[in-house]
Structure formats: C-alpha cells, structure tokens
Amino acid sequence: MQSAIVKRSIVIAGHKTSVSLEDEFWNGLKEIARDQRATLSNLVGEVDTRRSHGNLSSTIRLFVLDHYRARMAALASGAAVDGTLQPSRSSANLYSPLRAGNGL
C-alpha cells in the first residue's frame, strides 16, 4: 500500500512554508501536537529549530518515528506514556518529543 505525499502550507515563526508528508506522518504529527497540547505550527517550529541538516519534511518524519519508537519502548518496559518521553538513541536532542507545558 502506497501513501500519497501531501503538500501542505504551515506557518513557522511567522513565515509560511510548505511541507510534503505522507498522510500517516501528518496524522502522527497532529496526534503528537494534540497530546502535547501544542499547535501544529509550534510543534513543527520546534522540530525545525532542532534540525542541523536535511530538509524539514525528512526531519519531521524522523521526529514522528522517534516519538512512536520511544512510546513503544516505554510500553514494553512498563513505563508510563505521557507525551514527555525522550528517545534513548543518540539523536534524542534533535528529534525528542517536546515536553508538555513548556509554553507552546
């Protein structure tokens, strides 16, 4: 099953940009934003500020993947899953989920 890549416009730090993602990644990103009580624009803006290379679409995909990997690891270990998890791999600082209540 192939998912179509959908291009959407989003405002990040007051600037409009386009991001192309598969529907599954858009849905995952929206779910993360909802769980963290952040707007989609604020969440993408935070992801954007943390990237050191690559394009924004790729960075978002990795962020979503890392978020769900961290949730699965927490579930497997019996830890609570509350949206504040930090992935255990070395890129945790780049793609880690945002902490709820940090002003977003």
PDB file of N, CA and C in Angstrom:
ATOM      1  N   MET A   1       0.840  -1.173   0.000  1.00  0.00           N
ATOM      2  CA  MET A   1       0.000   0.000   0.000  1.00  0.00           C
ATOM      3  C   MET A   1       0.891   1.244   0.000  1.00  0.00           C
ATOM      4  N   GLN A   2       0.702   2.097  -0.963  1.00  0.00           N
ATOM      5  CA  GLN A   2       1.453   3.340  -1.027  1.00  0.00           C
ATOM      6  C   GLN A   2       0.579   4.490  -0.553  1.00  0.00           C
ATOM      7  N   SER A   3       1.210   5.378   0.165  1.00  0.00           N
ATOM      8  CA  SER A   3       0.524   6.570   0.639  1.00  0.00           C
ATOM      9  C   SER A   3       0.972   7.750  -0.210  1.00  0.00           C
ATOM     10  N   ALA A   4       0.023   8.539  -0.631  1.00  0.00           N
ATOM     11  CA  ALA A   4       0.359   9.724  -1.416  1.00  0.00           C
ATOM     12  C   ALA A   4       1.010  10.772  -0.527  1.00  0.00           C
ATOM     13  N   ILE A   5       1.977  11.435  -1.082  1.00  0.00           N
ATOM     14  CA  ILE A   5       2.609  12.536  -0.364  1.00  0.00           C
ATOM     15  C   ILE A   5       1.744  13.768  -0.573  1.00  0.00           C
ATOM     16  N   VAL A   6       1.415  14.413   0.536  1.00  0.00           N
ATOM     17  CA  VAL A   6       0.543  15.582   0.503  1.00  0.00           C
ATOM     18  C   VAL A   6       1.356  16.806   0.899  1.00  0.00           C
ATOM     19  N   LYS A   7       1.278  17.839   0.092  1.00  0.00           N
ATOM     20  CA  LYS A   7       1.975  19.095   0.388  1.00  0.00           C
ATOM     21  C   LYS A   7       0.995  20.037   1.076  1.00  0.00           C
ATOM     22  N   ARG A   8       1.421  20.526   2.240  1.00  0.00           N
ATOM     23  CA  ARG A   8       0.575  21.448   2.993  1.00  0.00           C
ATOM     24  C   ARG A   8       1.380  22.672   3.373  1.00  0.00           C
ATOM     25  N   SER A   9       0.693  23.772   3.496  1.00  0.00           N
ATOM     26  CA  SER A   9       1.332  25.010   3.941  1.00  0.00           C
ATOM     27  C   SER A   9       1.184  25.119   5.446  1.00  0.00           C
ATOM     28  N   ILE A  10       2.223  25.648   6.075  1.00  0.00           N
ATOM     29  CA  ILE A  10       2.219  25.825   7.520  1.00  0.00           C
ATOM     30  C   ILE A  10       3.016  27.078   7.844  1.00  0.00           C
ATOM     31  N   VAL A  11       2.616  27.775   8.881  1.00  0.00           N
ATOM     32  CA  VAL A  11       3.324  28.982   9.303  1.00  0.00           C
ATOM     33  C   VAL A  11       4.240  28.602  10.458  1.00  0.00           C
ATOM     34  N   ILE A  12       5.535  28.880  10.276  1.00  0.00           N
ATOM     35  CA  ILE A  12       6.541  28.599  11.300  1.00  0.00           C
ATOM     36  C   ILE A  12       7.237  29.906  11.624  1.00  0.00           C
ATOM     37  N   ALA A  13       7.166  30.305  12.877  1.00  0.00           N
ATOM     38  CA  ALA A  13       7.805  31.545  13.339  1.00  0.00           C
ATOM     39  C   ALA A  13       7.432  32.731  12.448  1.00  0.00           C
ATOM     40  N   GLY A  14       6.167  32.784  12.064  1.00  0.00           N
ATOM     41  CA  GLY A  14       5.677  33.902  11.277  1.00  0.00           C
ATOM     42  C   GLY A  14       5.930  33.810   9.788  1.00  0.00           C
ATOM     43  N   HIS A  15       6.560  32.721   9.333  1.00  0.00           N
ATOM     44  CA  HIS A  15       6.853  32.555   7.911  1.00  0.00           C
ATOM     45  C   HIS A  15       6.107  31.343   7.368  1.00  0.00           C
ATOM     46  N   LYS A  16       5.471  31.527   6.226  1.00  0.00           N
ATOM     47  CA  LYS A  16       4.731  30.452   5.603  1.00  0.00           C
ATOM     48  C   LYS A  16       5.690  29.578   4.801  1.00  0.00           C
ATOM     49  N   THR A  17       5.560  28.265   4.967  1.00  0.00           N
ATOM     50  CA  THR A  17       6.376  27.322   4.220  1.00  0.00           C
ATOM     51  C   THR A  17       5.518  26.125   3.843  1.00  0.00           C
ATOM     52  N   SER A  18       5.996  25.322   2.923  1.00  0.00           N
ATOM     53  CA  SER A  18       5.289  24.112   2.522  1.00  0.00           C
ATOM     54  C   SER A  18       6.074  22.896   2.984  1.00  0.00           C
ATOM     55  N   VAL A  19       5.329  21.897   3.432  1.00  0.00           N
ATOM     56  CA  VAL A  19       5.925  20.647   3.887  1.00  0.00           C
ATOM     57  C   VAL A  19       5.185  19.510   3.188  1.00  0.00           C
ATOM     58  N   SER A  20       5.948  18.590   2.623  1.00  0.00           N
ATOM     59  CA  SER A  20       5.368  17.434   1.934  1.00  0.00           C
ATOM     60  C   SER A  20       5.575  16.188   2.787  1.00  0.00           C
ATOM     61  N   LEU A  21       4.465  15.593   3.211  1.00  0.00           N
ATOM     62  CA  LEU A  21       4.500  14.383   4.032  1.00  0.00           C
ATOM     63  C   LEU A  21       3.388  13.442   3.611  1.00  0.00           C
ATOM     64  N   GLU A  22       3.587  12.162   3.869  1.00  0.00           N
ATOM     65  CA  GLU A  22       2.536  11.182   3.680  1.00  0.00           C
ATOM     66  C   GLU A  22       1.458  11.424   4.726  1.00  0.00           C
ATOM     67  N   ASP A  23       0.214  11.040   4.399  1.00  0.00           N
ATOM     68  CA  ASP A  23      -0.902  11.239   5.341  1.00  0.00           C
ATOM     69  C   ASP A  23      -0.622  10.630   6.710  1.00  0.00           C
ATOM     70  N   GLU A  24       0.029   9.469   6.744  1.00  0.00           N
ATOM     71  CA  GLU A  24       0.307   8.818   8.020  1.00  0.00           C
ATOM     72  C   GLU A  24       1.203   9.688   8.907  1.00  0.00           C
ATOM     73  N   PHE A  25       2.176  10.366   8.303  1.00  0.00           N
ATOM     74  CA  PHE A  25       3.042  11.244   9.081  1.00  0.00           C
ATOM     75  C   PHE A  25       2.310  12.511   9.511  1.00  0.00           C
ATOM     76  N   TRP A  26       1.455  13.066   8.643  1.00  0.00           N
ATOM     77  CA  TRP A  26       0.642  14.225   9.053  1.00  0.00           C
ATOM     78  C   TRP A  26      -0.221  13.850  10.253  1.00  0.00           C
ATOM     79  N   ASN A  27      -0.866  12.677  10.159  1.00  0.00           N
ATOM     80  CA  ASN A  27      -1.742  12.246  11.250  1.00  0.00           C
ATOM     81  C   ASN A  27      -0.958  12.026  12.535  1.00  0.00           C
ATOM     82  N   GLY A  28       0.212  11.396  12.440  1.00  0.00           N
ATOM     83  CA  GLY A  28       1.052  11.201  13.614  1.00  0.00           C
ATOM     84  C   GLY A  28       1.493  12.517  14.217  1.00  0.00           C
ATOM     85  N   LEU A  29       1.875  13.456  13.370  1.00  0.00           N
ATOM     86  CA  LEU A  29       2.310  14.773  13.841  1.00  0.00           C
ATOM     87  C   LEU A  29       1.173  15.502  14.543  1.00  0.00           C
ATOM     88  N   LYS A  30      -0.025  15.429  13.990  1.00  0.00           N
ATOM     89  CA  LYS A  30      -1.195  16.057  14.633  1.00  0.00           C
ATOM     90  C   LYS A  30      -1.491  15.419  15.978  1.00  0.00           C
ATOM     91  N   GLU A  31      -1.364  14.099  16.059  1.00  0.00           N
ATOM     92  CA  GLU A  31      -1.601  13.396  17.319  1.00  0.00           C
ATOM     93  C   GLU A  31      -0.579  13.816  18.385  1.00  0.00           C
ATOM     94  N   ILE A  32       0.678  13.924  17.993  1.00  0.00           N
ATOM     95  CA  ILE A  32       1.720  14.355  18.928  1.00  0.00           C
ATOM     96  C   ILE A  32       1.429  15.767  19.418  1.00  0.00           C
ATOM     97  N   ALA A  33       1.074  16.656  18.508  1.00  0.00           N
ATOM     98  CA  ALA A  33       0.757  18.037  18.890  1.00  0.00           C
ATOM     99  C   ALA A  33      -0.416  18.063  19.861  1.00  0.00           C
ATOM    100  N   ARG A  34      -1.440  17.295  19.574  1.00  0.00           N
ATOM    101  CA  ARG A  34      -2.611  17.241  20.454  1.00  0.00           C
ATOM    102  C   ARG A  34      -2.217  16.712  21.835  1.00  0.00           C
ATOM    103  N   ASP A  35      -1.444  15.621  21.876  1.00  0.00           N
ATOM    104  CA  ASP A  35      -1.024  15.028  23.141  1.00  0.00           C
ATOM    105  C   ASP A  35      -0.171  15.993  23.967  1.00  0.00           C
ATOM    106  N   GLN A  36       0.598  16.832  23.295  1.00  0.00           N
ATOM    107  CA  GLN A  36       1.479  17.770  23.985  1.00  0.00           C
ATOM    108  C   GLN A  36       0.828  19.138  24.179  1.00  0.00           C
ATOM    109  N   ARG A  37      -0.427  19.244  23.793  1.00  0.00           N
ATOM    110  CA  ARG A  37      -1.179  20.498  23.917  1.00  0.00           C
ATOM    111  C   ARG A  37      -0.454  21.652  23.234  1.00  0.00           C
ATOM    112  N   ALA A  38       0.075  21.352  22.063  1.00  0.00           N
ATOM    113  CA  ALA A  38       0.788  22.345  21.263  1.00  0.00           C
ATOM    114  C   ALA A  38       0.060  22.508  19.942  1.00  0.00           C
ATOM    115  N   THR A  39       0.223  23.659  19.322  1.00  0.00           N
ATOM    116  CA  THR A  39      -0.312  23.817  17.977  1.00  0.00           C
ATOM    117  C   THR A  39       0.616  23.090  17.018  1.00  0.00           C
ATOM    118  N   LEU A  40       0.077  22.713  15.889  1.00  0.00           N
ATOM    119  CA  LEU A  40       0.885  22.054  14.863  1.00  0.00           C
ATOM    120  C   LEU A  40       2.017  22.976  14.420  1.00  0.00           C
ATOM    121  N   SER A  41       1.730  24.247  14.257  1.00  0.00           N
ATOM    122  CA  SER A  41       2.758  25.214  13.855  1.00  0.00           C
ATOM    123  C   SER A  41       3.871  25.313  14.894  1.00  0.00           C
ATOM    124  N   ASN A  42       3.520  25.359  16.173  1.00  0.00           N
ATOM    125  CA  ASN A  42       4.545  25.435  17.215  1.00  0.00           C
ATOM    126  C   ASN A  42       5.385  24.170  17.271  1.00  0.00           C
ATOM    127  N   LEU A  43       4.744  23.017  17.128  1.00  0.00           N
ATOM    128  CA  LEU A  43       5.480  21.761  17.156  1.00  0.00           C
ATOM    129  C   LEU A  43       6.448  21.681  15.981  1.00  0.00           C
ATOM    130  N   VAL A  44       5.979  21.993  14.789  1.00  0.00           N
ATOM    131  CA  VAL A  44       6.851  21.965  13.608  1.00  0.00           C
ATOM    132  C   VAL A  44       7.948  23.012  13.748  1.00  0.00           C
ATOM    133  N   GLY A  45       7.627  24.155  14.298  1.00  0.00           N
ATOM    134  CA  GLY A  45       8.642  25.178  14.521  1.00  0.00           C
ATOM    135  C   GLY A  45       9.741  24.688  15.444  1.00  0.00           C
ATOM    136  N   GLU A  46       9.367  23.994  16.514  1.00  0.00           N
ATOM    137  CA  GLU A  46      10.356  23.444  17.445  1.00  0.00           C
ATOM    138  C   GLU A  46      11.208  22.367  16.760  1.00  0.00           C
ATOM    139  N   VAL A  47      10.571  21.507  15.998  1.00  0.00           N
ATOM    140  CA  VAL A  47      11.316  20.486  15.249  1.00  0.00           C
ATOM    141  C   VAL A  47      12.287  21.169  14.285  1.00  0.00           C
ATOM    142  N   ASP A  48      11.828  22.223  13.637  1.00  0.00           N
ATOM    143  CA  ASP A  48      12.664  22.948  12.681  1.00  0.00           C
ATOM    144  C   ASP A  48      13.893  23.563  13.355  1.00  0.00           C
ATOM    145  N   THR A  49      13.718  24.120  14.550  1.00  0.00           N
ATOM    146  CA  THR A  49      14.856  24.749  15.229  1.00  0.00           C
ATOM    147  C   THR A  49      15.876  23.725  15.703  1.00  0.00           C
ATOM    148  N   ARG A  50      15.465  22.491  15.884  1.00  0.00           N
ATOM    149  CA  ARG A  50      16.369  21.444  16.367  1.00  0.00           C
ATOM    150  C   ARG A  50      17.138  20.738  15.255  1.00  0.00           C
ATOM    151  N   ARG A  51      16.767  20.945  14.019  1.00  0.00           N
ATOM    152  CA  ARG A  51      17.451  20.208  12.947  1.00  0.00           C
ATOM    153  C   ARG A  51      18.782  20.853  12.610  1.00  0.00           C
ATOM    154  N   SER A  52      19.735  20.012  12.331  1.00  0.00           N
ATOM    155  CA  SER A  52      21.062  20.524  11.982  1.00  0.00           C
ATOM    156  C   SER A  52      21.355  20.357  10.497  1.00  0.00           C
ATOM    157  N   HIS A  53      20.616  19.503   9.830  1.00  0.00           N
ATOM    158  CA  HIS A  53      20.798  19.304   8.389  1.00  0.00           C
ATOM    159  C   HIS A  53      19.559  18.600   7.841  1.00  0.00           C
ATOM    160  N   GLY A  54      19.518  18.427   6.553  1.00  0.00           N
ATOM    161  CA  GLY A  54      18.381  17.770   5.933  1.00  0.00           C
ATOM    162  C   GLY A  54      17.211  18.711   5.747  1.00  0.00           C
ATOM    163  N   ASN A  55      16.254  18.254   4.995  1.00  0.00           N
ATOM    164  CA  ASN A  55      15.090  19.110   4.774  1.00  0.00           C
ATOM    165  C   ASN A  55      14.052  18.907   5.870  1.00  0.00           C
ATOM    166  N   LEU A  56      13.151  19.825   5.981  1.00  0.00           N
ATOM    167  CA  LEU A  56      12.172  19.823   7.054  1.00  0.00           C
ATOM    168  C   LEU A  56      11.277  18.588   6.991  1.00  0.00           C
ATOM    169  N   SER A  57      10.862  18.187   5.816  1.00  0.00           N
ATOM    170  CA  SER A  57      10.000  17.008   5.697  1.00  0.00           C
ATOM    171  C   SER A  57      10.682  15.767   6.262  1.00  0.00           C
ATOM    172  N   SER A  58      11.939  15.566   5.937  1.00  0.00           N
ATOM    173  CA  SER A  58      12.684  14.414   6.463  1.00  0.00           C
ATOM    174  C   SER A  58      12.838  14.506   7.963  1.00  0.00           C
ATOM    175  N   THR A  59      13.114  15.693   8.465  1.00  0.00           N
ATOM    176  CA  THR A  59      13.278  15.889   9.900  1.00  0.00           C
ATOM    177  C   THR A  59      11.980  15.578  10.634  1.00  0.00           C
ATOM    178  N   ILE A  60      10.854  15.986  10.082  1.00  0.00           N
ATOM    179  CA  ILE A  60       9.558  15.699  10.697  1.00  0.00           C
ATOM    180  C   ILE A  60       9.302  14.195  10.711  1.00  0.00           C
ATOM    181  N   ARG A  61       9.590  13.522   9.608  1.00  0.00           N
ATOM    182  CA  ARG A  61       9.390  12.073   9.555  1.00  0.00           C
ATOM    183  C   ARG A  61      10.201  11.384  10.667  1.00  0.00           C
ATOM    184  N   LEU A  62      11.450  11.784  10.828  1.00  0.00           N
ATOM    185  CA  LEU A  62      12.304  11.185  11.858  1.00  0.00           C
ATOM    186  C   LEU A  62      11.791  11.509  13.258  1.00  0.00           C
ATOM    187  N   PHE A  63      11.297  12.720  13.450  1.00  0.00           N
ATOM    188  CA  PHE A  63      10.724  13.113  14.738  1.00  0.00           C
ATOM    189  C   PHE A  63       9.527  12.225  15.080  1.00  0.00           C
ATOM    190  N   VAL A  64       8.620  12.043  14.131  1.00  0.00           N
ATOM    191  CA  VAL A  64       7.431  11.214  14.362  1.00  0.00           C
ATOM    192  C   VAL A  64       7.849   9.769  14.633  1.00  0.00           C
ATOM    193  N   LEU A  65       8.755   9.246  13.830  1.00  0.00           N
ATOM    194  CA  LEU A  65       9.235   7.881  14.024  1.00  0.00           C
ATOM    195  C   LEU A  65       9.850   7.715  15.409  1.00  0.00           C
ATOM    196  N   ASP A  66      10.719   8.625  15.800  1.00  0.00           N
ATOM    197  CA  ASP A  66      11.367   8.546  17.113  1.00  0.00           C
ATOM    198  C   ASP A  66      10.355   8.654  18.247  1.00  0.00           C
ATOM    199  N   HIS A  67       9.357   9.504  18.072  1.00  0.00           N
ATOM    200  CA  HIS A  67       8.318   9.643  19.092  1.00  0.00           C
ATOM    201  C   HIS A  67       7.625   8.307  19.331  1.00  0.00           C
ATOM    202  N   TYR A  68       7.209   7.647  18.263  1.00  0.00           N
ATOM    203  CA  TYR A  68       6.489   6.386  18.419  1.00  0.00           C
ATOM    204  C   TYR A  68       7.408   5.245  18.837  1.00  0.00           C
ATOM    205  N   ARG A  69       8.650   5.277  18.440  1.00  0.00           N
ATOM    206  CA  ARG A  69       9.615   4.289  18.946  1.00  0.00           C
ATOM    207  C   ARG A  69       9.768   4.433  20.456  1.00  0.00           C
ATOM    208  N   ALA A  70       9.868   5.657  20.928  1.00  0.00           N
ATOM    209  CA  ALA A  70      10.009   5.908  22.360  1.00  0.00           C
ATOM    210  C   ALA A  70       8.772   5.432  23.112  1.00  0.00           C
ATOM    211  N   ARG A  71       7.614   5.655  22.545  1.00  0.00           N
ATOM    212  CA  ARG A  71       6.372   5.189  23.187  1.00  0.00           C
ATOM    213  C   ARG A  71       6.339   3.676  23.261  1.00  0.00           C
ATOM    214  N   MET A  72       6.751   3.018  22.193  1.00  0.00           N
ATOM    215  CA  MET A  72       6.762   1.553  22.184  1.00  0.00           C
ATOM    216  C   MET A  72       7.755   1.019  23.209  1.00  0.00           C
ATOM    217  N   ALA A  73       8.910   1.639  23.310  1.00  0.00           N
ATOM    218  CA  ALA A  73       9.909   1.218  24.287  1.00  0.00           C
ATOM    219  C   ALA A  73       9.378   1.405  25.704  1.00  0.00           C
ATOM    220  N   ALA A  74       8.679   2.513  25.937  1.00  0.00           N
ATOM    221  CA  ALA A  74       8.110   2.767  27.252  1.00  0.00           C
ATOM    222  C   ALA A  74       7.035   1.735  27.584  1.00  0.00           C
ATOM    223  N   LEU A  75       6.202   1.425  26.618  1.00  0.00           N
ATOM    224  CA  LEU A  75       5.168   0.419  26.839  1.00  0.00           C
ATOM    225  C   LEU A  75       5.786  -0.941  27.125  1.00  0.00           C
ATOM    226  N   ALA A  76       6.832  -1.282  26.383  1.00  0.00           N
ATOM    227  CA  ALA A  76       7.499  -2.570  26.563  1.00  0.00           C
ATOM    228  C   ALA A  76       8.154  -2.671  27.943  1.00  0.00           C
ATOM    229  N   SER A  77       8.609  -1.545  28.471  1.00  0.00           N
ATOM    230  CA  SER A  77       9.271  -1.559  29.779  1.00  0.00           C
ATOM    231  C   SER A  77       8.294  -1.327  30.923  1.00  0.00           C
ATOM    232  N   GLY A  78       7.044  -1.065  30.596  1.00  0.00           N
ATOM    233  CA  GLY A  78       6.041  -0.827  31.622  1.00  0.00           C
ATOM    234  C   GLY A  78       6.001   0.597  32.124  1.00  0.00           C
ATOM    235  N   ALA A  79       6.748   1.508  31.504  1.00  0.00           N
ATOM    236  CA  ALA A  79       6.763   2.910  31.916  1.00  0.00           C
ATOM    237  C   ALA A  79       5.499   3.610  31.433  1.00  0.00           C
ATOM    238  N   ALA A  80       5.163   4.689  32.100  1.00  0.00           N
ATOM    239  CA  ALA A  80       4.005   5.487  31.697  1.00  0.00           C
ATOM    240  C   ALA A  80       4.307   6.203  30.396  1.00  0.00           C
ATOM    241  N   VAL A  81       3.312   6.285  29.549  1.00  0.00           N
ATOM    242  CA  VAL A  81       3.440   7.014  28.289  1.00  0.00           C
ATOM    243  C   VAL A  81       2.602   8.263  28.418  1.00  0.00           C
ATOM    244  N   ASP A  82       3.277   9.423  28.563  1.00  0.00           N
ATOM    245  CA  ASP A  82       2.545  10.659  28.822  1.00  0.00           C
ATOM    246  C   ASP A  82       2.906  11.796  27.884  1.00  0.00           C
ATOM    247  N   GLY A  83       3.623  11.515  26.804  1.00  0.00           N
ATOM    248  CA  GLY A  83       3.969  12.573  25.857  1.00  0.00           C
ATOM    249  C   GLY A  83       5.232  13.325  26.223  1.00  0.00           C
ATOM    250  N   THR A  84       5.926  12.920  27.285  1.00  0.00           N
ATOM    251  CA  THR A  84       7.140  13.629  27.676  1.00  0.00           C
ATOM    252  C   THR A  84       8.378  12.736  27.535  1.00  0.00           C
ATOM    253  N   LEU A  85       8.268  11.711  26.752  1.00  0.00           N
ATOM    254  CA  LEU A  85       9.366  10.763  26.617  1.00  0.00           C
ATOM    255  C   LEU A  85      10.520  11.334  25.825  1.00  0.00           C
ATOM    256  N   GLN A  86      11.709  10.886  26.160  1.00  0.00           N
ATOM    257  CA  GLN A  86      12.905  11.246  25.419  1.00  0.00           C
ATOM    258  C   GLN A  86      13.445   9.974  24.779  1.00  0.00           C
ATOM    259  N   PRO A  87      13.583   9.915  23.466  1.00  0.00           N
ATOM    260  CA  PRO A  87      14.154   8.725  22.841  1.00  0.00           C
ATOM    261  C   PRO A  87      15.543   8.450  23.398  1.00  0.00           C
ATOM    262  N   SER A  88      15.885   7.176  23.467  1.00  0.00           N
ATOM    263  CA  SER A  88      17.150   6.794  24.081  1.00  0.00           C
ATOM    264  C   SER A  88      18.320   6.830  23.108  1.00  0.00           C
ATOM    265  N   ARG A  89      18.071   6.984  21.833  1.00  0.00           N
ATOM    266  CA  ARG A  89      19.182   6.949  20.885  1.00  0.00           C
ATOM    267  C   ARG A  89      19.931   8.277  20.858  1.00  0.00           C
ATOM    268  N   SER A  90      21.058   8.289  20.200  1.00  0.00           N
ATOM    269  CA  SER A  90      21.965   9.435  20.265  1.00  0.00           C
ATOM    270  C   SER A  90      21.387  10.715  19.683  1.00  0.00           C
ATOM    271  N   SER A  91      20.392  10.634  18.836  1.00  0.00           N
ATOM    272  CA  SER A  91      19.821  11.843  18.247  1.00  0.00           C
ATOM    273  C   SER A  91      18.666  12.380  19.088  1.00  0.00           C
ATOM    274  N   ALA A  92      18.566  11.952  20.334  1.00  0.00           N
ATOM    275  CA  ALA A  92      17.436  12.344  21.175  1.00  0.00           C
ATOM    276  C   ALA A  92      17.277  13.854  21.257  1.00  0.00           C
ATOM    277  N   ASN A  93      18.359  14.598  21.331  1.00  0.00           N
ATOM    278  CA  ASN A  93      18.242  16.048  21.445  1.00  0.00           C
ATOM    279  C   ASN A  93      17.668  16.678  20.193  1.00  0.00           C
ATOM    280  N   LEU A  94      17.887  16.057  19.046  1.00  0.00           N
ATOM    281  CA  LEU A  94      17.397  16.612  17.795  1.00  0.00           C
ATOM    282  C   LEU A  94      15.928  16.306  17.562  1.00  0.00           C
ATOM    283  N   TYR A  95      15.500  15.090  17.857  1.00  0.00           N
ATOM    284  CA  TYR A  95      14.161  14.668  17.488  1.00  0.00           C
ATOM    285  C   TYR A  95      13.266  14.345  18.673  1.00  0.00           C
ATOM    286  N   SER A  96      13.675  14.651  19.870  1.00  0.00           N
ATOM    287  CA  SER A  96      12.900  14.258  21.036  1.00  0.00           C
ATOM    288  C   SER A  96      11.559  14.973  21.071  1.00  0.00           C
ATOM    289  N   PRO A  97      10.533  14.260  21.558  1.00  0.00           N
ATOM    290  CA  PRO A  97       9.229  14.921  21.700  1.00  0.00           C
ATOM    291  C   PRO A  97       9.340  16.095  22.667  1.00  0.00           C
ATOM    292  N   LEU A  98       8.538  17.083  22.442  1.00  0.00           N
ATOM    293  CA  LEU A  98       8.551  18.260  23.301  1.00  0.00           C
ATOM    294  C   LEU A  98       7.890  17.928  24.632  1.00  0.00           C
ATOM    295  N   ARG A  99       8.326  18.572  25.663  1.00  0.00           N
ATOM    296  CA  ARG A  99       7.713  18.380  26.977  1.00  0.00           C
ATOM    297  C   ARG A  99       6.438  19.219  27.064  1.00  0.00           C
ATOM    298  N   ALA A 100       5.397  18.606  27.574  1.00  0.00           N
ATOM    299  CA  ALA A 100       4.129  19.318  27.737  1.00  0.00           C
ATOM    300  C   ALA A 100       4.335  20.449  28.741  1.00  0.00           C
ATOM    301  N   GLY A 101       3.652  21.540  28.512  1.00  0.00           N
ATOM    302  CA  GLY A 101       3.690  22.644  29.447  1.00  0.00           C
ATOM    303  C   GLY A 101       4.921  23.523  29.315  1.00  0.00           C
ATOM    304  N   ASN A 102       5.610  23.472  28.182  1.00  0.00           N
ATOM    305  CA  ASN A 102       6.811  24.298  28.032  1.00  0.00           C
ATOM    306  C   ASN A 102       6.519  25.616  27.313  1.00  0.00           C
ATOM    307  N   GLY A 103       5.284  26.037  27.389  1.00  0.00           N
ATOM    308  CA  GLY A 103       4.947  27.335  26.826  1.00  0.00           C
ATOM    309  C   GLY A 103       4.454  27.291  25.401  1.00  0.00           C
ATOM    310  N   LEU A 104       4.252  26.105  24.850  1.00  0.00           N
ATOM    311  CA  LEU A 104       3.751  26.032  23.475  1.00  0.00           C
ATOM    312  C   LEU A 104       2.253  26.111  23.455  1.00  0.00           C
TER     313      LEU A 104
END
